[in-house]
N, C-alpha and C. Protein backbone atom coordinates (compact mmCIF):
# COMPACT_ATOMS: atom_id res chain seq x y z
N UNK A 1 -7.44 -18.09 11.92
CA UNK A 1 -7.22 -16.65 11.46
C UNK A 1 -5.79 -16.32 11.46
N UNK A 2 -5.40 -15.70 10.40
CA UNK A 2 -3.78 -15.44 10.24
C UNK A 2 -3.57 -13.96 9.98
N UNK A 3 -2.36 -13.55 10.39
CA UNK A 3 -1.97 -12.14 10.28
C UNK A 3 -0.86 -12.05 9.33
N UNK A 4 -0.82 -11.49 8.39
CA UNK A 4 0.20 -11.32 7.49
C UNK A 4 0.82 -9.93 7.10
N UNK A 5 2.02 -9.83 6.46
CA UNK A 5 2.56 -8.40 6.24
C UNK A 5 3.93 -8.60 6.21
N UNK A 6 4.59 -7.47 5.73
CA UNK A 6 6.09 -7.41 5.82
C UNK A 6 6.56 -7.05 7.18
N UNK A 7 7.67 -7.05 7.51
CA UNK A 7 8.22 -6.62 8.78
C UNK A 7 7.96 -5.26 9.04
N UNK A 8 7.64 -4.88 10.33
CA UNK A 8 7.27 -3.49 10.74
C UNK A 8 5.75 -3.11 10.44
N UNK A 9 4.94 -3.91 10.16
CA UNK A 9 3.47 -3.40 9.95
C UNK A 9 2.71 -3.68 11.10
N UNK A 10 3.22 -4.19 12.24
CA UNK A 10 2.52 -4.45 13.48
C UNK A 10 1.77 -5.69 13.63
N UNK A 11 1.99 -6.67 13.10
CA UNK A 11 1.37 -8.08 13.05
C UNK A 11 1.29 -8.48 14.51
N UNK A 12 2.40 -8.51 15.29
CA UNK A 12 2.40 -9.10 16.57
C UNK A 12 1.40 -8.33 17.42
N UNK A 13 1.39 -7.01 17.51
CA UNK A 13 0.65 -6.38 18.30
C UNK A 13 -0.65 -6.35 18.04
N UNK A 14 -1.09 -6.43 16.77
CA UNK A 14 -2.57 -6.56 16.41
C UNK A 14 -2.98 -8.02 16.67
N UNK A 15 -2.24 -9.01 16.64
CA UNK A 15 -2.68 -10.39 17.01
C UNK A 15 -3.04 -10.42 18.41
N UNK A 16 -2.24 -9.67 19.25
CA UNK A 16 -2.58 -9.60 20.49
C UNK A 16 -3.86 -8.83 20.98
N UNK A 17 -4.01 -7.77 20.07
CA UNK A 17 -5.38 -7.10 20.21
C UNK A 17 -6.51 -8.04 19.87
N UNK A 18 -6.31 -8.85 18.83
CA UNK A 18 -7.33 -9.84 18.55
C UNK A 18 -7.56 -10.94 19.56
N UNK A 19 -6.35 -11.50 20.21
CA UNK A 19 -6.42 -12.40 21.11
C UNK A 19 -7.20 -11.88 22.40
N UNK A 20 -6.91 -10.65 22.88
CA UNK A 20 -7.48 -10.05 23.91
C UNK A 20 -9.07 -9.82 23.69
N UNK A 21 -9.34 -9.42 22.56
CA UNK A 21 -10.81 -9.27 22.27
C UNK A 21 -11.67 -10.41 22.32
N UNK A 22 -10.96 -11.56 21.60
CA UNK A 22 -11.76 -12.84 21.70
C UNK A 22 -11.82 -13.36 23.16
N UNK A 23 -10.66 -13.51 23.90
CA UNK A 23 -10.80 -13.96 25.32
C UNK A 23 -11.77 -13.02 26.03
N UNK A 24 -11.69 -11.87 25.88
CA UNK A 24 -12.71 -10.93 26.60
C UNK A 24 -14.22 -11.24 26.23
N UNK A 25 -14.48 -12.00 25.26
CA UNK A 25 -15.66 -12.27 24.88
C UNK A 25 -16.05 -13.89 25.21
N UNK A 26 -15.13 -14.38 25.89
CA UNK A 26 -15.32 -15.75 26.22
C UNK A 26 -15.01 -16.71 25.26
N UNK A 27 -14.40 -16.36 24.08
CA UNK A 27 -13.98 -17.35 23.09
C UNK A 27 -12.61 -17.94 23.39
N UNK A 28 -12.51 -19.20 23.50
CA UNK A 28 -11.12 -19.83 23.71
C UNK A 28 -10.29 -19.68 22.60
N UNK A 29 -9.24 -19.09 22.82
CA UNK A 29 -8.32 -18.77 21.67
C UNK A 29 -6.96 -19.06 22.06
N UNK A 30 -6.03 -19.32 21.01
CA UNK A 30 -4.67 -19.62 21.06
C UNK A 30 -3.83 -18.70 20.01
N UNK A 31 -2.82 -18.03 20.46
CA UNK A 31 -1.97 -17.30 19.65
C UNK A 31 -0.78 -18.10 19.56
N UNK A 32 -0.20 -18.14 18.16
CA UNK A 32 0.93 -18.72 17.92
C UNK A 32 1.57 -18.06 16.74
N UNK A 33 2.75 -18.64 16.23
CA UNK A 33 3.53 -17.87 15.17
C UNK A 33 4.10 -18.95 14.30
N UNK A 34 4.60 -18.30 13.10
CA UNK A 34 5.47 -19.11 12.14
C UNK A 34 6.49 -18.32 11.67
N UNK A 35 7.72 -18.81 11.35
CA UNK A 35 7.97 -20.25 11.76
C UNK A 35 8.08 -20.44 13.35
N UNK A 36 7.77 -21.38 13.82
CA UNK A 36 7.73 -21.59 15.09
C UNK A 36 6.64 -22.32 15.71
N UNK A 37 6.16 -22.01 17.05
CA UNK A 37 4.96 -22.56 17.58
C UNK A 37 5.01 -23.97 18.27
N UNK A 38 6.15 -24.58 17.92
CA UNK A 38 6.46 -25.83 18.60
C UNK A 38 7.89 -25.90 19.02
N UNK A 39 8.38 -26.82 19.88
CA UNK A 39 9.77 -26.82 20.17
C UNK A 39 10.73 -27.01 19.07
N UNK A 40 10.16 -27.87 18.06
CA UNK A 40 11.15 -28.08 16.95
C UNK A 40 11.11 -26.86 15.98
N UNK A 41 9.82 -26.36 15.92
CA UNK A 41 9.71 -25.13 14.97
C UNK A 41 10.38 -24.01 15.40
N UNK A 42 10.57 -23.79 16.83
CA UNK A 42 11.25 -22.67 17.37
C UNK A 42 12.81 -22.80 16.94
N UNK A 43 13.25 -24.04 17.09
CA UNK A 43 14.65 -24.31 16.75
C UNK A 43 14.94 -24.04 15.29
N UNK A 44 13.93 -24.49 14.40
CA UNK A 44 14.09 -24.23 13.01
C UNK A 44 14.01 -22.62 12.75
N UNK A 45 13.20 -22.00 13.36
CA UNK A 45 13.11 -20.58 13.35
C UNK A 45 14.46 -19.96 13.57
N UNK A 46 15.07 -20.28 14.63
CA UNK A 46 16.28 -19.77 14.98
C UNK A 46 17.31 -19.99 13.91
N UNK A 47 17.31 -21.08 13.36
CA UNK A 47 18.28 -21.52 12.34
C UNK A 47 18.08 -20.59 10.94
N UNK A 48 16.65 -20.68 10.61
CA UNK A 48 16.45 -19.94 9.35
C UNK A 48 16.49 -18.38 9.49
N UNK A 49 16.40 -17.77 10.75
CA UNK A 49 16.63 -16.26 10.93
C UNK A 49 17.98 -15.83 11.14
N UNK A 50 18.73 -16.87 11.35
CA UNK A 50 20.11 -16.34 11.84
C UNK A 50 20.83 -15.59 10.72
N UNK A 51 21.47 -14.59 11.02
CA UNK A 51 22.35 -13.83 9.99
C UNK A 51 23.58 -14.54 9.77
N UNK A 52 23.86 -15.61 10.53
CA UNK A 52 25.06 -16.45 10.41
C UNK A 52 24.93 -17.59 9.21
N UNK A 53 23.66 -17.85 8.96
CA UNK A 53 23.46 -18.85 8.03
C UNK A 53 23.24 -18.14 6.56
N UNK A 54 23.62 -18.80 5.62
CA UNK A 54 23.41 -18.50 4.16
C UNK A 54 22.85 -19.67 3.50
N UNK A 55 21.50 -19.75 3.08
CA UNK A 55 20.76 -20.96 2.56
C UNK A 55 20.19 -20.55 1.22
N UNK A 56 20.05 -21.60 0.43
CA UNK A 56 19.31 -21.25 -0.87
C UNK A 56 17.94 -21.10 -0.68
N UNK A 57 17.22 -20.66 -1.85
CA UNK A 57 15.78 -20.33 -1.56
C UNK A 57 15.23 -21.67 -1.43
N UNK A 58 15.51 -22.77 -2.11
CA UNK A 58 14.77 -24.06 -1.93
C UNK A 58 14.97 -24.55 -0.56
N UNK A 59 16.26 -24.49 0.15
CA UNK A 59 16.31 -24.90 1.45
C UNK A 59 15.55 -24.10 2.47
N UNK A 60 15.51 -22.71 2.29
CA UNK A 60 14.67 -21.97 3.22
C UNK A 60 13.35 -22.29 3.00
N UNK A 61 12.75 -22.53 1.81
CA UNK A 61 11.29 -23.00 1.69
C UNK A 61 11.14 -24.21 2.39
N UNK A 62 12.00 -25.30 2.34
CA UNK A 62 11.63 -26.57 3.03
C UNK A 62 11.86 -26.38 4.56
N UNK A 63 12.70 -25.62 5.14
CA UNK A 63 12.74 -25.39 6.50
C UNK A 63 11.42 -24.81 7.04
N UNK A 64 11.05 -23.75 6.34
CA UNK A 64 9.78 -23.09 6.80
C UNK A 64 8.67 -24.11 6.67
N UNK A 65 8.57 -24.99 5.67
CA UNK A 65 7.58 -26.06 5.58
C UNK A 65 7.56 -26.94 6.52
N UNK A 66 8.83 -27.45 6.89
CA UNK A 66 9.07 -28.50 7.99
C UNK A 66 8.39 -27.94 9.31
N UNK A 67 8.77 -26.62 9.38
CA UNK A 67 8.17 -26.08 10.90
C UNK A 67 6.68 -25.90 10.69
N UNK A 68 6.18 -25.59 9.55
CA UNK A 68 4.80 -25.64 9.44
C UNK A 68 4.00 -27.04 9.63
N UNK A 69 4.63 -27.91 9.07
CA UNK A 69 3.98 -29.38 9.16
C UNK A 69 3.90 -29.80 10.55
N UNK A 70 4.90 -29.44 11.33
CA UNK A 70 5.09 -29.85 12.81
C UNK A 70 4.00 -29.05 13.38
N UNK A 71 3.98 -27.73 13.15
CA UNK A 71 2.96 -26.75 13.81
C UNK A 71 1.45 -27.28 13.59
N UNK A 72 1.19 -27.59 12.44
CA UNK A 72 -0.23 -28.06 12.19
C UNK A 72 -0.57 -29.47 12.89
N UNK A 73 0.34 -30.29 12.81
CA UNK A 73 0.15 -31.51 13.58
C UNK A 73 0.12 -31.45 15.01
N UNK A 74 0.92 -30.60 15.64
CA UNK A 74 1.17 -30.76 17.03
C UNK A 74 0.34 -29.78 17.82
N UNK A 75 0.10 -28.44 17.14
CA UNK A 75 -0.66 -27.37 17.81
C UNK A 75 -1.93 -26.88 17.02
N UNK A 76 -2.00 -26.57 15.82
CA UNK A 76 -3.00 -25.89 15.15
C UNK A 76 -4.15 -26.86 15.06
N UNK A 77 -4.03 -28.03 14.49
CA UNK A 77 -5.13 -29.00 14.34
C UNK A 77 -5.77 -29.50 15.59
N UNK A 78 -4.89 -29.95 16.61
CA UNK A 78 -5.55 -30.37 17.97
C UNK A 78 -6.32 -29.28 18.57
N UNK A 79 -5.91 -27.82 18.53
CA UNK A 79 -6.61 -26.74 19.04
C UNK A 79 -7.92 -26.62 18.34
N UNK A 80 -7.95 -26.64 17.04
CA UNK A 80 -9.12 -26.53 16.22
C UNK A 80 -10.18 -27.65 16.56
N UNK A 81 -9.55 -28.75 16.79
CA UNK A 81 -10.56 -29.98 16.98
C UNK A 81 -11.08 -29.84 18.46
N UNK A 82 -10.49 -28.97 19.38
CA UNK A 82 -11.00 -28.78 20.63
C UNK A 82 -11.94 -27.60 20.71
N UNK A 83 -12.18 -27.07 19.47
CA UNK A 83 -13.03 -25.79 19.52
C UNK A 83 -12.35 -24.55 19.86
N UNK A 84 -11.11 -24.46 19.83
CA UNK A 84 -10.24 -23.25 20.06
C UNK A 84 -10.01 -22.46 18.79
N UNK A 85 -10.19 -21.15 18.87
CA UNK A 85 -9.76 -20.23 17.84
C UNK A 85 -8.26 -20.15 17.69
N UNK A 86 -7.68 -20.29 16.61
CA UNK A 86 -6.21 -20.21 16.34
C UNK A 86 -5.88 -18.90 15.68
N UNK A 87 -5.13 -18.08 16.38
CA UNK A 87 -4.46 -16.87 15.77
C UNK A 87 -3.00 -16.93 15.26
N UNK A 88 -2.70 -16.92 14.13
CA UNK A 88 -1.32 -17.26 13.81
C UNK A 88 -0.50 -16.07 13.05
N UNK A 89 0.53 -15.77 13.62
CA UNK A 89 1.34 -14.54 13.14
C UNK A 89 2.20 -15.28 11.94
N UNK A 90 1.71 -15.06 10.77
CA UNK A 90 1.98 -15.55 9.38
C UNK A 90 1.62 -17.11 9.23
N UNK A 91 1.49 -17.54 8.07
CA UNK A 91 1.21 -18.87 7.70
C UNK A 91 1.34 -19.10 6.16
N UNK A 92 0.62 -19.54 5.39
CA UNK A 92 0.86 -19.98 4.07
C UNK A 92 1.14 -18.88 3.17
N UNK A 93 0.33 -17.71 3.26
CA UNK A 93 0.53 -16.57 2.47
C UNK A 93 2.02 -15.98 2.53
N UNK A 94 2.44 -16.16 3.64
CA UNK A 94 3.99 -15.73 3.96
C UNK A 94 4.95 -16.53 2.97
N UNK A 95 4.54 -17.80 2.85
CA UNK A 95 5.47 -18.57 1.98
C UNK A 95 5.53 -18.11 0.58
N UNK A 96 4.20 -17.77 -0.06
CA UNK A 96 4.12 -17.23 -1.33
C UNK A 96 4.76 -15.99 -1.45
N UNK A 97 4.53 -15.15 -0.46
CA UNK A 97 5.13 -13.77 -0.64
C UNK A 97 6.67 -13.75 -0.34
N UNK A 98 7.13 -14.45 0.69
CA UNK A 98 8.76 -14.32 0.72
C UNK A 98 9.49 -15.29 -0.10
N UNK A 99 9.16 -16.57 -0.18
CA UNK A 99 9.88 -17.52 -0.87
C UNK A 99 9.49 -17.31 -2.31
N UNK A 100 8.31 -16.93 -2.60
CA UNK A 100 7.90 -16.75 -3.95
C UNK A 100 8.25 -15.35 -4.54
N UNK A 101 7.49 -14.38 -4.01
CA UNK A 101 7.78 -12.97 -4.45
C UNK A 101 9.21 -12.67 -4.15
N UNK A 102 9.62 -12.87 -2.87
CA UNK A 102 11.03 -12.37 -2.52
C UNK A 102 12.18 -13.05 -2.95
N UNK A 103 12.09 -14.46 -3.03
CA UNK A 103 13.14 -15.30 -3.45
C UNK A 103 13.04 -15.72 -4.78
N UNK A 104 11.84 -15.60 -5.44
CA UNK A 104 11.88 -15.83 -6.81
C UNK A 104 11.36 -17.30 -7.21
N UNK A 105 10.97 -18.11 -6.17
CA UNK A 105 10.49 -19.53 -6.51
C UNK A 105 9.00 -19.32 -7.11
N UNK A 106 8.60 -20.27 -7.86
CA UNK A 106 7.24 -20.14 -8.59
C UNK A 106 6.24 -20.69 -7.79
N UNK A 107 5.00 -20.36 -8.05
CA UNK A 107 3.92 -20.94 -7.43
C UNK A 107 3.79 -22.53 -7.72
N UNK A 108 4.24 -22.63 -8.99
CA UNK A 108 4.30 -24.21 -9.13
C UNK A 108 5.08 -24.99 -8.23
N UNK A 109 6.15 -24.45 -8.06
CA UNK A 109 7.16 -25.13 -7.00
C UNK A 109 6.64 -25.07 -5.58
N UNK A 110 6.01 -24.02 -5.19
CA UNK A 110 5.63 -23.72 -3.85
C UNK A 110 4.29 -24.50 -3.39
N UNK A 111 3.28 -24.61 -4.30
CA UNK A 111 1.98 -24.72 -3.99
C UNK A 111 1.76 -26.29 -3.60
N UNK A 112 2.34 -27.17 -4.14
CA UNK A 112 2.00 -28.56 -3.73
C UNK A 112 2.76 -28.79 -2.33
N UNK A 113 3.95 -28.12 -2.14
CA UNK A 113 4.52 -28.33 -0.77
C UNK A 113 3.70 -27.60 0.33
N UNK A 114 3.20 -26.39 0.04
CA UNK A 114 2.44 -25.81 1.00
C UNK A 114 1.08 -26.63 1.25
N UNK A 115 0.53 -27.21 0.29
CA UNK A 115 -0.64 -27.98 0.53
C UNK A 115 -0.33 -29.26 1.25
N UNK A 116 0.83 -29.78 1.17
CA UNK A 116 1.32 -30.91 1.87
C UNK A 116 1.48 -30.62 3.35
N UNK A 117 2.23 -29.54 3.53
CA UNK A 117 2.43 -29.00 5.00
C UNK A 117 1.22 -28.69 5.67
N UNK A 118 0.30 -28.05 4.98
CA UNK A 118 -0.92 -27.63 5.65
C UNK A 118 -2.02 -28.65 6.04
N UNK A 119 -1.77 -29.61 5.36
CA UNK A 119 -2.67 -31.00 5.49
C UNK A 119 -4.18 -30.57 5.67
N UNK A 120 -4.67 -29.76 4.76
CA UNK A 120 -6.03 -29.27 4.76
C UNK A 120 -6.46 -28.23 5.81
N UNK A 121 -5.46 -27.71 6.42
CA UNK A 121 -5.78 -26.69 7.53
C UNK A 121 -5.66 -25.27 6.79
N UNK A 122 -6.74 -24.67 6.68
CA UNK A 122 -6.57 -23.29 6.00
C UNK A 122 -7.39 -22.21 6.84
N UNK A 123 -6.91 -21.07 6.98
CA UNK A 123 -7.66 -19.83 7.86
C UNK A 123 -8.99 -19.68 7.28
N UNK A 124 -9.85 -19.28 8.02
CA UNK A 124 -11.12 -18.67 7.58
C UNK A 124 -11.09 -17.25 7.32
N UNK A 125 -9.99 -16.53 7.75
CA UNK A 125 -9.78 -15.21 7.49
C UNK A 125 -8.25 -14.85 7.52
N UNK A 126 -7.75 -14.05 6.74
CA UNK A 126 -6.50 -13.56 6.82
C UNK A 126 -6.45 -12.06 6.72
N UNK A 127 -5.86 -11.39 7.71
CA UNK A 127 -5.63 -10.10 7.75
C UNK A 127 -4.34 -9.64 7.27
N UNK A 128 -4.24 -8.95 6.18
CA UNK A 128 -2.96 -8.45 5.42
C UNK A 128 -2.79 -7.07 5.99
N UNK A 129 -1.87 -6.78 6.97
CA UNK A 129 -1.60 -5.64 7.42
C UNK A 129 -0.44 -5.09 6.33
N UNK A 130 -0.91 -3.99 5.83
CA UNK A 130 -0.26 -3.35 4.56
C UNK A 130 0.30 -1.81 4.95
N UNK A 131 1.53 -1.71 4.50
CA UNK A 131 2.07 -0.34 4.66
C UNK A 131 3.19 -0.20 3.52
N UNK A 132 3.44 1.02 3.01
CA UNK A 132 4.52 1.19 2.21
C UNK A 132 5.83 0.68 2.61
N UNK A 133 6.75 0.08 1.91
CA UNK A 133 7.93 -0.58 2.35
C UNK A 133 8.67 0.58 3.12
N UNK A 134 8.93 1.78 2.74
CA UNK A 134 9.94 2.71 3.52
C UNK A 134 9.22 2.88 4.96
N UNK A 135 7.82 2.96 4.98
CA UNK A 135 7.19 3.28 6.19
C UNK A 135 7.52 1.89 7.15
N UNK A 136 7.19 0.77 6.73
CA UNK A 136 7.25 -0.52 7.55
C UNK A 136 8.82 -0.70 7.90
N UNK A 137 9.69 -0.55 6.97
CA UNK A 137 11.10 -0.83 7.21
C UNK A 137 11.62 0.23 8.31
N UNK A 138 11.19 1.41 8.17
CA UNK A 138 11.79 2.47 9.19
C UNK A 138 11.21 2.02 10.71
N UNK A 139 10.05 1.62 10.91
CA UNK A 139 9.53 1.00 12.10
C UNK A 139 10.33 -0.23 12.46
N UNK A 140 10.47 -1.29 11.68
CA UNK A 140 11.18 -2.43 11.99
C UNK A 140 12.60 -2.04 12.35
N UNK A 141 13.29 -1.13 11.75
CA UNK A 141 14.62 -0.90 12.00
C UNK A 141 14.93 0.11 13.00
N UNK A 142 13.76 0.67 13.59
CA UNK A 142 13.92 1.53 14.60
C UNK A 142 13.66 0.98 15.93
N UNK A 143 13.63 -0.31 16.00
CA UNK A 143 13.38 -1.14 17.32
C UNK A 143 14.54 -1.20 18.24
N UNK A 144 15.69 -0.71 17.84
CA UNK A 144 16.89 -0.68 18.64
C UNK A 144 17.53 -2.07 18.92
N UNK A 145 17.23 -2.94 17.89
CA UNK A 145 18.01 -4.22 18.11
C UNK A 145 18.45 -4.46 16.74
N UNK A 146 19.39 -5.67 16.75
CA UNK A 146 20.00 -6.04 15.46
C UNK A 146 18.70 -7.03 14.78
N UNK A 147 18.53 -6.71 13.46
CA UNK A 147 17.56 -7.40 12.63
C UNK A 147 17.94 -8.88 12.28
N UNK A 148 17.07 -9.80 12.17
CA UNK A 148 17.36 -11.03 11.79
C UNK A 148 17.75 -11.04 10.12
N UNK A 149 17.82 -12.40 9.67
CA UNK A 149 18.30 -12.36 8.33
C UNK A 149 17.38 -11.89 7.22
N UNK A 150 16.07 -11.87 7.66
CA UNK A 150 15.04 -11.23 6.76
C UNK A 150 14.95 -9.81 6.96
N UNK A 151 14.94 -9.12 8.11
CA UNK A 151 15.15 -7.79 8.30
C UNK A 151 16.19 -7.10 7.67
N UNK A 152 17.29 -7.89 7.48
CA UNK A 152 18.49 -7.28 6.87
C UNK A 152 18.37 -7.25 5.27
N UNK A 153 17.28 -7.72 4.78
CA UNK A 153 17.18 -7.79 3.28
C UNK A 153 16.89 -6.35 2.61
N UNK A 154 17.06 -6.28 1.40
CA UNK A 154 16.88 -5.08 0.63
C UNK A 154 15.51 -4.53 0.54
N UNK A 155 15.43 -3.09 0.10
CA UNK A 155 14.07 -2.69 -0.06
C UNK A 155 13.53 -3.22 -1.33
N UNK A 156 14.34 -3.51 -2.23
CA UNK A 156 13.79 -4.17 -3.40
C UNK A 156 13.21 -5.57 -3.21
N UNK A 157 13.78 -6.32 -2.20
CA UNK A 157 13.32 -7.60 -1.83
C UNK A 157 11.88 -7.39 -1.16
N UNK A 158 11.75 -6.39 -0.18
CA UNK A 158 10.50 -6.24 0.47
C UNK A 158 9.38 -5.68 -0.45
N UNK A 159 9.85 -4.82 -1.55
CA UNK A 159 8.97 -4.48 -2.49
C UNK A 159 8.35 -5.69 -3.39
N UNK A 160 9.07 -6.79 -3.61
CA UNK A 160 8.62 -7.98 -4.12
C UNK A 160 7.75 -8.71 -3.24
N UNK A 161 8.06 -8.74 -1.98
CA UNK A 161 7.15 -9.44 -1.10
C UNK A 161 5.74 -8.74 -0.95
N UNK A 162 5.92 -7.44 -0.74
CA UNK A 162 4.59 -6.73 -0.63
C UNK A 162 3.77 -6.87 -1.80
N UNK A 163 4.44 -6.79 -3.02
CA UNK A 163 3.53 -6.81 -4.33
C UNK A 163 2.91 -8.33 -4.32
N UNK A 164 3.73 -9.36 -3.92
CA UNK A 164 3.08 -10.58 -4.12
C UNK A 164 1.87 -10.72 -3.06
N UNK A 165 2.06 -10.29 -1.88
CA UNK A 165 0.95 -10.31 -0.85
C UNK A 165 -0.34 -9.63 -1.50
N UNK A 166 -0.04 -8.44 -2.11
CA UNK A 166 -1.16 -7.65 -2.48
C UNK A 166 -1.95 -8.39 -3.74
N UNK A 167 -1.09 -8.94 -4.65
CA UNK A 167 -1.60 -9.72 -5.86
C UNK A 167 -2.46 -10.86 -5.43
N UNK A 168 -2.12 -11.51 -4.41
CA UNK A 168 -2.83 -12.80 -3.94
C UNK A 168 -4.03 -12.26 -3.25
N UNK A 169 -4.02 -11.09 -2.46
CA UNK A 169 -5.11 -10.66 -1.76
C UNK A 169 -6.24 -10.22 -2.76
N UNK A 170 -5.76 -9.71 -3.86
CA UNK A 170 -6.83 -9.25 -4.91
C UNK A 170 -7.54 -10.35 -5.50
N UNK A 171 -6.92 -11.63 -5.44
CA UNK A 171 -7.52 -12.83 -6.02
C UNK A 171 -8.25 -13.62 -4.84
N UNK A 172 -8.14 -13.29 -3.64
CA UNK A 172 -8.82 -14.36 -2.61
C UNK A 172 -9.55 -13.57 -1.69
N UNK A 173 -10.78 -13.56 -1.74
CA UNK A 173 -11.95 -12.73 -0.76
C UNK A 173 -11.42 -13.08 0.73
N UNK A 174 -10.91 -14.25 0.96
CA UNK A 174 -10.40 -14.58 2.43
C UNK A 174 -9.57 -13.66 3.01
N UNK A 175 -8.77 -12.90 2.07
CA UNK A 175 -7.67 -12.13 2.64
C UNK A 175 -8.21 -10.64 2.55
N UNK A 176 -8.04 -10.04 3.79
CA UNK A 176 -8.67 -8.64 3.85
C UNK A 176 -7.43 -7.69 4.12
N UNK A 177 -7.27 -6.82 3.31
CA UNK A 177 -6.26 -5.73 3.45
C UNK A 177 -6.56 -4.59 4.37
N UNK A 178 -5.59 -4.38 5.43
CA UNK A 178 -5.82 -3.36 6.29
C UNK A 178 -4.70 -2.38 6.22
N UNK A 179 -4.96 -1.14 6.00
CA UNK A 179 -3.90 -0.16 5.98
C UNK A 179 -3.35 -0.01 7.48
N UNK A 180 -2.09 -0.45 7.38
CA UNK A 180 -1.29 -0.42 8.55
C UNK A 180 -0.21 0.72 8.79
N UNK A 181 -0.47 1.68 7.82
CA UNK A 181 0.44 2.94 7.68
C UNK A 181 -0.28 3.91 8.79
N UNK A 182 -1.54 3.70 9.29
CA UNK A 182 -2.25 4.63 10.16
C UNK A 182 -1.93 4.40 11.49
N UNK A 183 -2.33 5.21 12.45
CA UNK A 183 -2.22 4.93 13.87
C UNK A 183 -2.56 3.70 14.29
N UNK A 184 -1.89 3.13 15.31
CA UNK A 184 -2.24 1.75 15.75
C UNK A 184 -3.57 1.59 16.07
N UNK A 185 -4.18 2.58 16.73
CA UNK A 185 -5.59 2.53 17.32
C UNK A 185 -6.57 2.35 16.09
N UNK A 186 -6.38 3.03 15.06
CA UNK A 186 -7.30 2.89 13.97
C UNK A 186 -7.08 1.42 13.23
N UNK A 187 -5.77 0.84 13.16
CA UNK A 187 -5.59 -0.35 12.66
C UNK A 187 -6.37 -1.34 13.49
N UNK A 188 -6.36 -1.25 14.76
CA UNK A 188 -6.84 -2.10 15.85
C UNK A 188 -8.42 -2.12 15.61
N UNK A 189 -8.94 -1.07 15.33
CA UNK A 189 -10.45 -0.86 15.14
C UNK A 189 -10.82 -1.57 13.85
N UNK A 190 -10.07 -1.59 12.93
CA UNK A 190 -10.38 -2.34 11.81
C UNK A 190 -10.12 -3.81 11.91
N UNK A 191 -9.16 -4.09 12.86
CA UNK A 191 -9.08 -5.76 13.20
C UNK A 191 -10.24 -6.09 13.90
N UNK A 192 -10.82 -5.24 14.85
CA UNK A 192 -11.98 -5.66 15.77
C UNK A 192 -13.22 -5.77 14.93
N UNK A 193 -13.34 -4.79 13.93
CA UNK A 193 -14.59 -5.06 12.99
C UNK A 193 -14.49 -6.38 12.09
N UNK A 194 -13.25 -6.70 11.73
CA UNK A 194 -13.11 -7.92 10.98
C UNK A 194 -13.45 -9.23 11.77
N UNK A 195 -13.01 -9.22 13.13
CA UNK A 195 -13.29 -10.22 14.05
C UNK A 195 -14.83 -10.29 14.35
N UNK A 196 -15.45 -9.13 14.47
CA UNK A 196 -17.04 -8.99 14.83
C UNK A 196 -17.69 -9.69 13.58
N UNK A 197 -17.29 -9.40 12.37
CA UNK A 197 -17.94 -9.92 11.27
C UNK A 197 -17.77 -11.57 11.22
N UNK A 198 -16.64 -11.90 11.55
CA UNK A 198 -16.28 -13.44 11.42
C UNK A 198 -17.09 -14.14 12.63
N UNK A 199 -17.18 -13.41 13.78
CA UNK A 199 -17.94 -14.06 14.80
C UNK A 199 -19.53 -14.07 14.48
N UNK A 200 -19.99 -13.07 13.75
CA UNK A 200 -21.26 -12.93 13.32
C UNK A 200 -21.57 -14.09 12.29
N UNK A 201 -20.67 -14.38 11.38
CA UNK A 201 -20.95 -15.56 10.36
C UNK A 201 -20.98 -16.83 11.24
N UNK A 202 -20.16 -16.91 12.35
CA UNK A 202 -20.27 -18.14 12.97
C UNK A 202 -21.32 -18.44 14.04
N UNK A 203 -22.10 -17.16 14.34
CA UNK A 203 -23.18 -17.50 15.39
C UNK A 203 -24.45 -18.08 14.96
């Protein structure tokens, strides 16, 4: 199960809500994130998010996918094989949204590389936490810390990212859009309903 959306929509807090809900019901669960999730992945994350680095769109894509390939091989697939639920803060939809919509790479360029990095591991459900760009960025930039390289991007960049997320969600029943502009408790209630539905399908 993956959580997607632009900066400031509350992915990390809602992922923790989901983790606590599943754990409380006795479901073995692992929470992780992308880029990152492994020692190598975290080093790549620090590199690609650094505001001191300037990289091309192609380089950014390949760094992200190197981190994902390691994540799948070392963390995600082994957990799934043990019967553990995996909750991931961003996964492949982020690649199409950020490096595709945001950076302008085409699906034809991205798709085969994503498939190679995923190695057949796809989420059963993706929750797309969605909010208007001004709302989300106001939250992200109100955290009282210096933003990373992505958080420093323009409003136009994030509008392209959001548009690509929404476009892909409309074409894929696996992606459920949740209105993240509402109070956090209402968003959490929708996350819980989505998890209940998924648990019901698996019982």
